[in-house]
Amino acid sequence: MIQCDITNRLWKDRDWSEYPNWSEYPTGTKAHAYNGGHWTKMPNGWKWFCGDTFPTPGGDAIGACIELPNIPATLGQHTP
């Protein structure tokens, strides 16, 4: 299980511009929600782990814990 410290992300005056736009993350990225569950980046949007796909993750995914997919450095390489 991945645990993240989101306390520092809850400040209203936080500069959110340092984080990429949701559409810039690669397919397979997981954005963990602060109350449990996660959103997974799909080619056509973000899918809630047990639900539908939306253009962006819900408000519970505040970007405090982003799990990038294991992308091979070379095309054609397979990840076990």
N, C-alpha and C. Protein backbone atom coordinates (compact mmCIF):
# COMPACT_ATOMS: atom_id res chain seq x y z
N MET A 1 0.83 -1.17 0.00
CA MET A 1 0.00 0.00 0.00
C MET A 1 0.88 1.24 0.00
N ILE A 2 0.50 2.22 -0.77
CA ILE A 2 1.26 3.46 -0.85
C ILE A 2 0.68 4.45 0.15
N GLN A 3 1.54 5.05 0.94
CA GLN A 3 1.08 6.06 1.89
C GLN A 3 1.72 7.38 1.52
N CYS A 4 0.95 8.45 1.58
CA CYS A 4 1.45 9.75 1.22
C CYS A 4 1.10 10.77 2.30
N ASP A 5 1.99 11.71 2.47
CA ASP A 5 1.71 12.80 3.40
C ASP A 5 1.05 13.93 2.61
N ILE A 6 -0.25 14.11 2.79
CA ILE A 6 -0.95 15.14 2.04
C ILE A 6 -1.20 16.40 2.85
N THR A 7 -0.73 16.42 4.07
CA THR A 7 -1.00 17.56 4.95
C THR A 7 -0.56 18.87 4.31
N ASN A 8 0.64 18.89 3.72
CA ASN A 8 1.15 20.13 3.16
C ASN A 8 0.41 20.53 1.89
N ARG A 9 -0.36 19.65 1.28
CA ARG A 9 -1.08 19.96 0.04
C ARG A 9 -2.44 20.56 0.33
N LEU A 10 -2.87 20.62 1.56
CA LEU A 10 -4.20 21.10 1.87
C LEU A 10 -4.26 22.61 2.11
N TRP A 11 -3.12 23.29 2.06
CA TRP A 11 -3.11 24.73 2.26
C TRP A 11 -3.73 25.42 1.06
N LYS A 12 -4.63 26.35 1.33
CA LYS A 12 -5.34 27.05 0.25
C LYS A 12 -4.42 27.96 -0.56
N ASP A 13 -3.33 28.43 0.04
CA ASP A 13 -2.45 29.34 -0.67
C ASP A 13 -1.31 28.63 -1.40
N ARG A 14 -1.41 27.33 -1.52
CA ARG A 14 -0.37 26.53 -2.19
C ARG A 14 -0.29 26.90 -3.67
N ASP A 15 0.92 26.97 -4.22
CA ASP A 15 1.10 27.26 -5.63
C ASP A 15 0.90 25.97 -6.43
N TRP A 16 -0.26 25.83 -7.02
CA TRP A 16 -0.60 24.59 -7.74
C TRP A 16 0.03 24.55 -9.12
N SER A 17 0.62 25.62 -9.59
CA SER A 17 1.19 25.66 -10.94
C SER A 17 2.41 24.76 -11.10
N GLU A 18 3.00 24.30 -9.98
CA GLU A 18 4.19 23.45 -10.08
C GLU A 18 3.86 22.02 -10.51
N TYR A 19 2.59 21.67 -10.58
CA TYR A 19 2.19 20.31 -10.93
C TYR A 19 1.68 20.28 -12.37
N PRO A 20 1.96 19.21 -13.11
CA PRO A 20 1.50 19.14 -14.49
C PRO A 20 -0.02 19.10 -14.60
N ASN A 21 -0.48 19.47 -15.75
CA ASN A 21 -1.90 19.36 -16.08
C ASN A 21 -2.26 17.88 -16.06
N TRP A 22 -3.46 17.54 -15.64
CA TRP A 22 -3.87 16.13 -15.57
C TRP A 22 -3.70 15.42 -16.91
N SER A 23 -3.88 16.11 -18.01
CA SER A 23 -3.77 15.47 -19.33
C SER A 23 -2.32 15.15 -19.70
N GLU A 24 -1.35 15.70 -19.00
CA GLU A 24 0.06 15.49 -19.32
C GLU A 24 0.64 14.21 -18.74
N TYR A 25 -0.07 13.55 -17.84
CA TYR A 25 0.45 12.32 -17.26
C TYR A 25 0.32 11.17 -18.26
N PRO A 26 1.27 10.22 -18.23
CA PRO A 26 1.19 9.08 -19.16
C PRO A 26 0.08 8.11 -18.78
N THR A 27 -0.40 7.37 -19.76
CA THR A 27 -1.40 6.34 -19.53
C THR A 27 -0.85 5.34 -18.51
N GLY A 28 -1.68 4.96 -17.56
CA GLY A 28 -1.28 4.02 -16.52
C GLY A 28 -0.93 4.70 -15.21
N THR A 29 -0.83 6.03 -15.20
CA THR A 29 -0.55 6.76 -13.97
C THR A 29 -1.70 6.59 -13.00
N LYS A 30 -1.39 6.44 -11.73
CA LYS A 30 -2.43 6.36 -10.70
C LYS A 30 -2.37 7.61 -9.84
N ALA A 31 -3.52 8.26 -9.67
CA ALA A 31 -3.66 9.41 -8.78
C ALA A 31 -4.48 8.93 -7.60
N HIS A 32 -3.83 8.78 -6.47
CA HIS A 32 -4.50 8.24 -5.29
C HIS A 32 -5.38 9.29 -4.62
N ALA A 33 -6.56 8.87 -4.23
CA ALA A 33 -7.51 9.76 -3.56
C ALA A 33 -7.19 9.79 -2.06
N TYR A 34 -7.42 10.91 -1.42
CA TYR A 34 -7.03 11.03 -0.01
C TYR A 34 -7.89 10.20 0.93
N ASN A 35 -9.07 9.74 0.51
CA ASN A 35 -9.90 8.88 1.37
C ASN A 35 -9.87 7.42 0.93
N GLY A 36 -8.94 7.08 0.05
CA GLY A 36 -8.83 5.71 -0.44
C GLY A 36 -9.25 5.60 -1.89
N GLY A 37 -8.80 4.57 -2.54
CA GLY A 37 -9.08 4.39 -3.95
C GLY A 37 -8.11 5.18 -4.80
N HIS A 38 -8.26 5.07 -6.11
CA HIS A 38 -7.37 5.80 -7.01
C HIS A 38 -8.02 5.99 -8.37
N TRP A 39 -7.50 6.94 -9.11
CA TRP A 39 -7.88 7.20 -10.49
C TRP A 39 -6.73 6.72 -11.37
N THR A 40 -7.04 6.05 -12.49
CA THR A 40 -6.01 5.57 -13.40
C THR A 40 -6.15 6.29 -14.72
N LYS A 41 -5.03 6.83 -15.23
CA LYS A 41 -5.04 7.55 -16.51
C LYS A 41 -5.22 6.54 -17.63
N MET A 42 -6.25 6.75 -18.44
CA MET A 42 -6.55 5.92 -19.59
C MET A 42 -6.32 6.77 -20.85
N PRO A 43 -6.28 6.17 -22.03
CA PRO A 43 -6.11 6.98 -23.24
C PRO A 43 -7.20 8.03 -23.43
N ASN A 44 -8.39 7.77 -22.89
CA ASN A 44 -9.52 8.70 -23.10
C ASN A 44 -9.95 9.44 -21.83
N GLY A 45 -9.11 9.48 -20.80
CA GLY A 45 -9.47 10.20 -19.57
C GLY A 45 -8.94 9.50 -18.34
N TRP A 46 -9.61 9.71 -17.21
CA TRP A 46 -9.21 9.11 -15.93
C TRP A 46 -10.33 8.21 -15.43
N LYS A 47 -10.00 6.95 -15.13
CA LYS A 47 -10.99 5.97 -14.68
C LYS A 47 -10.90 5.79 -13.17
N TRP A 48 -12.04 5.93 -12.50
CA TRP A 48 -12.11 5.64 -11.08
C TRP A 48 -11.92 4.14 -10.93
N PHE A 49 -11.20 3.68 -9.90
CA PHE A 49 -10.80 2.26 -9.80
C PHE A 49 -11.97 1.30 -9.85
N CYS A 50 -13.15 1.71 -9.48
CA CYS A 50 -14.30 0.80 -9.56
C CYS A 50 -15.49 1.50 -10.24
N GLY A 51 -15.17 2.37 -11.18
CA GLY A 51 -16.26 3.13 -11.80
C GLY A 51 -15.98 3.51 -13.24
N ASP A 52 -16.51 4.66 -13.60
CA ASP A 52 -16.46 5.14 -14.98
C ASP A 52 -15.24 6.00 -15.25
N THR A 53 -15.10 6.39 -16.52
CA THR A 53 -14.00 7.24 -16.97
C THR A 53 -14.50 8.67 -17.15
N PHE A 54 -13.69 9.63 -16.69
CA PHE A 54 -14.03 11.05 -16.76
C PHE A 54 -12.86 11.81 -17.38
N PRO A 55 -13.07 13.05 -17.82
CA PRO A 55 -11.98 13.83 -18.43
C PRO A 55 -10.81 14.10 -17.48
N THR A 56 -11.10 14.29 -16.19
CA THR A 56 -10.07 14.51 -15.18
C THR A 56 -10.43 13.71 -13.93
N PRO A 57 -9.47 13.47 -13.03
CA PRO A 57 -9.81 12.80 -11.78
C PRO A 57 -10.75 13.67 -10.96
N GLY A 58 -11.41 13.05 -9.99
CA GLY A 58 -12.30 13.78 -9.11
C GLY A 58 -11.53 14.67 -8.15
N GLY A 59 -12.24 15.48 -7.41
CA GLY A 59 -11.64 16.41 -6.47
C GLY A 59 -10.91 15.75 -5.32
N ASP A 60 -11.12 14.45 -5.12
CA ASP A 60 -10.42 13.74 -4.05
C ASP A 60 -9.00 13.39 -4.42
N ALA A 61 -8.64 13.49 -5.68
CA ALA A 61 -7.27 13.25 -6.12
C ALA A 61 -6.59 14.61 -6.24
N ILE A 62 -5.99 15.06 -5.15
CA ILE A 62 -5.45 16.41 -5.13
C ILE A 62 -4.00 16.46 -5.60
N GLY A 63 -3.48 15.36 -6.11
CA GLY A 63 -2.13 15.33 -6.65
C GLY A 63 -1.03 15.11 -5.63
N ALA A 64 -1.38 14.80 -4.40
CA ALA A 64 -0.37 14.60 -3.37
C ALA A 64 0.35 13.27 -3.54
N CYS A 65 -0.28 12.32 -4.14
CA CYS A 65 0.32 11.00 -4.31
C CYS A 65 0.05 10.52 -5.73
N ILE A 66 1.04 10.67 -6.59
CA ILE A 66 0.94 10.26 -7.98
C ILE A 66 1.91 9.10 -8.18
N GLU A 67 1.39 8.00 -8.69
CA GLU A 67 2.21 6.81 -8.96
C GLU A 67 2.34 6.67 -10.47
N LEU A 68 3.54 6.96 -10.98
CA LEU A 68 3.76 6.87 -12.42
C LEU A 68 3.94 5.41 -12.82
N PRO A 69 3.51 5.06 -14.05
CA PRO A 69 3.67 3.68 -14.50
C PRO A 69 5.14 3.36 -14.76
N ASN A 70 5.48 2.10 -14.74
CA ASN A 70 6.84 1.65 -15.04
C ASN A 70 6.95 1.59 -16.56
N ILE A 71 7.55 2.61 -17.14
CA ILE A 71 7.65 2.71 -18.60
C ILE A 71 9.06 2.29 -19.01
N PRO A 72 9.19 1.29 -19.91
CA PRO A 72 10.52 0.86 -20.36
C PRO A 72 11.26 2.02 -21.03
N ALA A 73 12.56 2.09 -20.79
CA ALA A 73 13.36 3.17 -21.36
C ALA A 73 13.49 3.04 -22.86
N THR A 74 13.43 1.83 -23.38
CA THR A 74 13.58 1.58 -24.81
C THR A 74 12.31 1.01 -25.38
N LEU A 75 11.87 1.53 -26.51
CA LEU A 75 10.67 0.97 -27.14
C LEU A 75 10.88 -0.50 -27.46
N GLY A 76 9.88 -1.29 -27.29
CA GLY A 76 9.95 -2.71 -27.58
C GLY A 76 10.34 -3.53 -26.36
N GLN A 77 10.79 -2.89 -25.30
CA GLN A 77 11.14 -3.57 -24.07
C GLN A 77 9.86 -3.91 -23.32
N HIS A 78 9.82 -5.01 -22.68
CA HIS A 78 8.64 -5.41 -21.90
C HIS A 78 8.92 -5.33 -20.42
N THR A 79 7.95 -4.87 -19.67
CA THR A 79 8.07 -4.79 -18.23
C THR A 79 7.44 -6.03 -17.61
N PRO A 80 8.18 -6.76 -16.78
CA PRO A 80 7.60 -7.98 -16.17
C PRO A 80 6.49 -7.66 -15.19
